[in-house]
């Protein structure tokens, strides 16, 4: 199952403009690369704040795919 690593980046570890002193990045990895990524981050002195298995769902890339909800039938009242 895919794994999400929550990585904390301290000021100076990255150089993206506009980022603050401490930033959070989520890294989505497949099972085969989790251990290698953890080791590489540790060697670089970058901390992992959280690790959790995630469910990845493919959705159509068009609005409002993520915001639409299924329409449920209206319950009938007992007469």
C-alpha atoms as a PDB file:
ATOM      1  CA  UNK A   1       0.000   0.000   0.000  1.00  0.00           C
ATOM      2  CA  UNK A   2       1.362   3.501  -0.776  1.00  0.00           C
ATOM      3  CA  UNK A   3       2.932   5.413   2.111  1.00  0.00           C
ATOM      4  CA  UNK A   4       2.822   9.143   2.835  1.00  0.00           C
ATOM      5  CA  UNK A   5       5.841  10.567   4.647  1.00  0.00           C
ATOM      6  CA  UNK A   6       5.340  13.948   6.295  1.00  0.00           C
ATOM      7  CA  UNK A   7       8.717  15.650   6.062  1.00  0.00           C
ATOM      8  CA  UNK A   8       9.703  18.766   8.014  1.00  0.00           C
ATOM      9  CA  UNK A   9      12.110  21.030   6.149  1.00  0.00           C
ATOM     10  CA  UNK A  10      14.035  23.581   8.168  1.00  0.00           C
ATOM     11  CA  UNK A  11      15.153  26.923   6.699  1.00  0.00           C
ATOM     12  CA  UNK A  12      18.222  26.368   4.537  1.00  0.00           C
ATOM     13  CA  UNK A  13      17.447  22.760   3.555  1.00  0.00           C
ATOM     14  CA  UNK A  14      15.515  23.891   0.466  1.00  0.00           C
ATOM     15  CA  UNK A  15      15.567  26.987  -1.675  1.00  0.00           C
ATOM     16  CA  UNK A  16      12.006  27.388  -2.910  1.00  0.00           C
ATOM     17  CA  UNK A  17      11.134  31.094  -2.934  1.00  0.00           C
ATOM     18  CA  UNK A  18       8.430  32.188  -0.533  1.00  0.00           C
ATOM     19  CA  UNK A  19       8.771  29.279   1.872  1.00  0.00           C
ATOM     20  CA  UNK A  20       9.081  29.971   5.581  1.00  0.00           C
ATOM     21  CA  UNK A  21      11.565  28.941   8.242  1.00  0.00           C
ATOM     22  CA  UNK A  22       9.950  25.526   8.660  1.00  0.00           C
ATOM     23  CA  UNK A  23       7.829  23.865   6.034  1.00  0.00           C
ATOM     24  CA  UNK A  24       5.936  20.593   5.686  1.00  0.00           C
ATOM     25  CA  UNK A  25       6.129  18.449   2.560  1.00  0.00           C
ATOM     26  CA  UNK A  26       4.239  15.220   1.895  1.00  0.00           C
ATOM     27  CA  UNK A  27       6.061  12.539  -0.079  1.00  0.00           C
ATOM     28  CA  UNK A  28       3.950   9.738  -1.565  1.00  0.00           C
ATOM     29  CA  UNK A  29       5.924   6.518  -2.068  1.00  0.00           C
ATOM     30  CA  UNK A  30       5.274   2.964  -3.181  1.00  0.00           C
ATOM     31  CA  UNK A  31       6.236   0.056  -0.916  1.00  0.00           C
ATOM     32  CA  UNK A  32       9.560  -0.576  -2.642  1.00  0.00           C
ATOM     33  CA  UNK A  33      10.958   2.926  -2.089  1.00  0.00           C
ATOM     34  CA  UNK A  34       9.900   3.807   1.481  1.00  0.00           C
ATOM     35  CA  UNK A  35      12.989   2.411   3.236  1.00  0.00           C
ATOM     36  CA  UNK A  36      15.400   3.953   0.703  1.00  0.00           C
ATOM     37  CA  UNK A  37      13.733   7.348   0.994  1.00  0.00           C
ATOM     38  CA  UNK A  38      13.760   7.211   4.805  1.00  0.00           C
ATOM     39  CA  UNK A  39      17.473   6.372   4.780  1.00  0.00           C
ATOM     40  CA  UNK A  40      18.256   9.176   2.320  1.00  0.00           C
ATOM     41  CA  UNK A  41      16.318  11.727   4.376  1.00  0.00           C
ATOM     42  CA  UNK A  42      18.087  10.583   7.549  1.00  0.00           C
ATOM     43  CA  UNK A  43      21.513  10.923   5.881  1.00  0.00           C
ATOM     44  CA  UNK A  44      20.558  14.449   4.784  1.00  0.00           C
ATOM     45  CA  UNK A  45      19.490  15.376   8.321  1.00  0.00           C
ATOM     46  CA  UNK A  46      15.862  15.837   7.322  1.00  0.00           C
ATOM     47  CA  UNK A  47      13.282  14.682   9.853  1.00  0.00           C
ATOM     48  CA  UNK A  48      10.171  12.633   9.196  1.00  0.00           C
ATOM     49  CA  UNK A  49       7.264  13.845  11.314  1.00  0.00           C
ATOM     50  CA  UNK A  50       4.771  11.138  10.338  1.00  0.00           C
ATOM     51  CA  UNK A  51       4.414   8.007   8.256  1.00  0.00           C
ATOM     52  CA  UNK A  52       1.091   6.469   7.278  1.00  0.00           C
ATOM     53  CA  UNK A  53      -0.381   4.163   4.696  1.00  0.00           C
ATOM     54  CA  UNK A  54      -2.737   5.922   2.300  1.00  0.00           C
ATOM     55  CA  UNK A  55      -5.379   4.987  -0.209  1.00  0.00           C
ATOM     56  CA  UNK A  56      -4.801   6.456  -3.652  1.00  0.00           C
ATOM     57  CA  UNK A  57      -7.916   7.006  -5.742  1.00  0.00           C
ATOM     58  CA  UNK A  58      -7.852   8.047  -9.375  1.00  0.00           C
ATOM     59  CA  UNK A  59     -10.365  10.748 -10.276  1.00  0.00           C
ATOM     60  CA  UNK A  60     -11.100  12.528 -13.507  1.00  0.00           C
ATOM     61  CA  UNK A  61      -9.088  15.745 -13.797  1.00  0.00           C
ATOM     62  CA  UNK A  62     -11.954  18.177 -14.307  1.00  0.00           C
ATOM     63  CA  UNK A  63     -13.998  20.419 -12.045  1.00  0.00           C
ATOM     64  CA  UNK A  64     -15.991  19.675  -9.882  1.00  0.00           C
ATOM     65  CA  UNK A  65     -14.885  16.035  -9.576  1.00  0.00           C
ATOM     66  CA  UNK A  66     -13.637  16.349  -5.986  1.00  0.00           C
ATOM     67  CA  UNK A  67     -16.375  18.663  -4.752  1.00  0.00           C
ATOM     68  CA  UNK A  68     -19.406  16.916  -6.165  1.00  0.00           C
ATOM     69  CA  UNK A  69     -21.313  14.480  -3.995  1.00  0.00           C
ATOM     70  CA  UNK A  70     -23.505  11.643  -5.118  1.00  0.00           C
ATOM     71  CA  UNK A  71     -27.209  12.369  -5.161  1.00  0.00           C
ATOM     72  CA  UNK A  72     -29.089  10.178  -2.733  1.00  0.00           C
ATOM     73  CA  UNK A  73     -32.755   9.327  -3.218  1.00  0.00           C
ATOM     74  CA  UNK A  74     -35.200  11.212  -1.017  1.00  0.00           C
ATOM     75  CA  UNK A  75     -36.711   8.917   1.626  1.00  0.00           C
ATOM     76  CA  UNK A  76     -40.411   8.282   1.213  1.00  0.00           C
ATOM     77  CA  UNK A  77     -42.614   9.083   4.153  1.00  0.00           C
ATOM     78  CA  UNK A  78     -44.804   6.343   5.569  1.00  0.00           C
ATOM     79  CA  UNK A  79     -48.465   7.032   4.829  1.00  0.00           C
END
